[in-house]
Protein backbone atom coordinates (compact mmCIF):
# COMPACT_ATOMS: atom_id res chain seq x y z
CA UNK A 1 2.52 -9.41 12.46
CA UNK A 2 2.93 -7.53 9.18
CA UNK A 3 0.46 -4.82 8.14
CA UNK A 4 0.46 -3.60 4.55
CA UNK A 5 -1.29 -0.30 3.83
CA UNK A 6 -2.58 -0.63 0.27
CA UNK A 7 -4.49 1.40 -2.31
CA UNK A 8 -3.96 3.56 -5.33
CA UNK A 9 -1.62 6.53 -5.37
CA UNK A 10 -2.97 9.41 -3.30
CA UNK A 11 -4.76 7.17 -0.79
CA UNK A 12 -2.37 8.17 2.00
CA UNK A 13 -0.49 4.90 2.36
CA UNK A 14 2.75 6.47 3.55
CA UNK A 15 1.17 8.80 6.11
CA UNK A 16 -1.11 6.10 7.50
CA UNK A 17 1.67 3.50 7.42
CA UNK A 18 3.97 5.76 9.41
CA UNK A 19 1.23 6.51 11.93
CA UNK A 20 0.36 2.81 12.33
CA UNK A 21 4.01 1.92 12.85
CA UNK A 22 4.33 4.63 15.48
CA UNK A 23 1.22 3.40 17.32
CA UNK A 24 2.35 -0.23 17.11
CA UNK A 25 5.95 0.65 18.03
CA UNK A 26 7.36 -1.19 15.05
CA UNK A 27 9.28 -0.41 11.88
CA UNK A 28 7.85 1.22 8.77
CA UNK A 29 8.95 0.51 5.20
CA UNK A 30 7.58 2.32 2.16
CA UNK A 31 7.19 -0.07 -0.75
CA UNK A 32 8.02 2.72 -3.19
CA UNK A 33 11.63 2.49 -1.98
CA UNK A 34 11.86 -0.91 -3.70
CA UNK A 35 10.88 0.36 -7.17
CA UNK A 36 13.63 0.17 -9.74
CA UNK A 37 14.92 3.37 -11.31
CA UNK A 38 13.27 2.25 -14.55
CA UNK A 39 9.87 1.87 -12.85
CA UNK A 40 10.16 5.30 -11.24
CA UNK A 41 11.14 6.84 -14.57
CA UNK A 42 8.15 5.25 -16.31
CA UNK A 43 5.73 6.54 -13.66
CA UNK A 44 7.34 9.98 -13.68
CA UNK A 45 6.76 10.10 -17.44
CA UNK A 46 3.12 9.03 -17.16
CA UNK A 47 3.69 5.49 -18.43
CA UNK A 48 1.68 2.85 -16.53
CA UNK A 49 3.59 -0.09 -15.10
CA UNK A 50 2.89 -3.55 -16.47
CA UNK A 51 2.72 -6.78 -14.52
CA UNK A 52 6.23 -7.56 -15.81
CA UNK A 53 7.43 -4.27 -14.28
CA UNK A 54 5.76 -5.09 -10.97
CA UNK A 55 6.74 -8.75 -10.40
CA UNK A 56 10.40 -8.07 -9.39
CA UNK A 57 9.27 -5.15 -7.21
CA UNK A 58 6.70 -7.30 -5.40
CA UNK A 59 9.20 -10.13 -4.87
CA UNK A 60 11.66 -7.63 -3.36
CA UNK A 61 9.01 -6.39 -0.92
CA UNK A 62 8.15 -10.00 -0.04
CA UNK A 63 11.83 -10.66 0.70
CA UNK A 64 11.85 -7.64 3.06
CA UNK A 65 8.73 -9.02 4.78
CA UNK A 66 10.45 -12.37 5.22
CA UNK A 67 13.48 -10.63 6.77
CA UNK A 68 11.22 -9.01 9.38
CA UNK A 69 9.52 -12.33 10.07
CA UNK A 70 12.85 -14.16 10.41
CA UNK A 71 13.90 -11.54 12.97
CA UNK A 72 10.54 -11.97 14.79
CA UNK A 73 9.77 -8.30 14.23
CA UNK A 74 6.39 -6.69 13.62
CA UNK A 75 6.35 -4.18 10.77
CA UNK A 76 4.18 -1.93 8.65
CA UNK A 77 4.76 -1.77 4.89
CA UNK A 78 3.08 0.16 2.12
CA UNK A 79 2.40 -1.18 -1.34
CA UNK A 80 -0.35 -0.35 -3.80
CA UNK A 81 -1.14 -4.10 -4.05
CA UNK A 82 -3.65 -3.38 -6.80
CA UNK A 83 -4.41 -6.96 -7.85
CA UNK A 84 -5.18 -10.06 -5.85
CA UNK A 85 -2.25 -11.80 -7.56
CA UNK A 86 0.06 -9.05 -6.24
CA UNK A 87 -1.35 -9.47 -2.74
CA UNK A 88 -0.88 -13.23 -3.03
CA UNK A 89 2.85 -12.69 -3.69
CA UNK A 90 3.16 -10.36 -0.70
CA UNK A 91 1.10 -12.60 1.57
CA UNK A 92 2.62 -15.89 0.40
CA UNK A 93 0.08 -17.78 2.48
CA UNK A 94 1.18 -16.13 5.76
CA UNK A 95 -1.62 -15.72 8.26
CA UNK A 96 0.25 -12.87 9.97
CA UNK A 97 0.22 -10.60 6.89
CA UNK A 98 -2.77 -8.27 6.99
CA UNK A 99 -3.74 -5.76 4.29
CA UNK A 100 -5.35 -2.41 5.09
CA UNK A 101 -7.18 -1.10 2.02
CA UNK A 102 -7.35 2.69 2.02
CA UNK A 103 -10.40 3.29 -0.14
CA UNK A 104 -11.36 6.59 -1.68
CA UNK A 105 -13.36 8.10 -4.50
CA UNK A 106 -11.68 9.13 -7.74
CA UNK A 107 -12.50 12.77 -6.95
CA UNK A 108 -10.79 12.75 -3.55
CA UNK A 109 -7.78 10.87 -4.91
CA UNK A 110 -7.44 13.24 -7.87
CA UNK A 111 -7.61 16.28 -5.60
CA UNK A 112 -4.89 14.85 -3.36
CA UNK A 113 -2.62 14.04 -6.30
CA UNK A 114 -3.00 17.53 -7.76
CA UNK A 115 -1.72 19.10 -4.54
CA UNK A 116 1.06 16.59 -3.81
CA UNK A 117 4.63 17.68 -4.40
CA UNK A 118 7.96 15.88 -4.51
CA UNK A 119 6.69 12.49 -5.64
CA UNK A 120 7.72 10.65 -8.82
CA UNK A 121 4.16 9.49 -9.63
CA UNK A 122 2.49 11.37 -12.50
CA UNK A 123 -1.12 12.16 -11.44
CA UNK A 124 -2.31 11.27 -14.94
CA UNK A 125 -1.73 7.61 -14.02
CA UNK A 126 -4.54 7.58 -11.45
CA UNK A 127 -7.11 6.25 -13.93
CA UNK A 128 -4.74 3.46 -14.96
CA UNK A 129 -4.37 2.43 -11.32
CA UNK A 130 -8.13 2.55 -10.76
CA UNK A 131 -8.63 0.42 -13.88
CA UNK A 132 -6.09 -2.12 -12.58
CA UNK A 133 -7.43 -2.16 -9.00
CA UNK A 134 -9.12 -5.35 -7.88
CA UNK A 135 -10.68 -4.22 -4.62
CA UNK A 136 -10.05 -6.73 -1.84
CA UNK A 137 -12.99 -8.34 -0.09
CA UNK A 138 -13.49 -8.60 3.66
CA UNK A 139 -11.74 -11.97 3.54
CA UNK A 140 -8.61 -10.30 2.25
CA UNK A 141 -8.26 -6.87 3.87
CA UNK A 142 -9.47 -4.36 6.38
CA UNK A 143 -11.15 -1.55 4.43
CA UNK A 144 -11.09 2.02 5.71
CA UNK A 145 -12.36 5.19 4.00
CA UNK A 146 -9.75 7.84 3.29
CA UNK A 147 -12.39 10.49 3.89
CA UNK A 148 -11.79 10.05 7.62
CA UNK A 149 -9.00 12.02 9.29
CA UNK A 150 -5.64 10.22 9.45
CA UNK A 151 -6.14 9.72 13.20
CA UNK A 152 -9.58 8.21 12.60
CA UNK A 153 -8.18 5.94 9.88
CA UNK A 154 -5.55 4.62 12.28
CA UNK A 155 -8.13 4.09 15.05
CA UNK A 156 -10.54 2.32 12.68
CA UNK A 157 -7.74 0.15 11.31
CA UNK A 158 -6.59 -0.91 14.76
CA UNK A 159 -10.18 -1.53 15.89
CA UNK A 160 -10.88 -3.78 12.88
CA UNK A 161 -7.53 -5.50 13.26
CA UNK A 162 -8.19 -6.37 16.91
CA UNK A 163 -11.63 -7.71 15.99
CA UNK A 164 -10.15 -10.24 13.54
């Protein structure tokens, strides 16, 4: 089983992904680690990524997912996965890949980004991500509000996952 915590920057993907991995006793991999230096530089400078910037990044994450599957290991990944076409690359038709959409209002996301330190993402890019976001439906992801506490988000995610 592969869980992918998804959503725009500031949604808490890394924190929730780490907590889910701890609860599930499996590995955690942050999708940001797979961004090229050029992608990170663009985002640091407030330049939105294009699909052409994202395709190699997504394929690299998919390869890491396949490595976990080949080793018969469960894992939690994070990836913004903003568009259905991006999620299709990551899922690649696998029934054991499950997305967890961390959904929040622009106001909450903006507040979080303004107080975050040590990340390459320029907060001015939030609107670009929201404009790009194609929210997944119930057929595609578990949706959990980021207005819950991190512990509640993990509990709600696991509850919805078990119900599937």
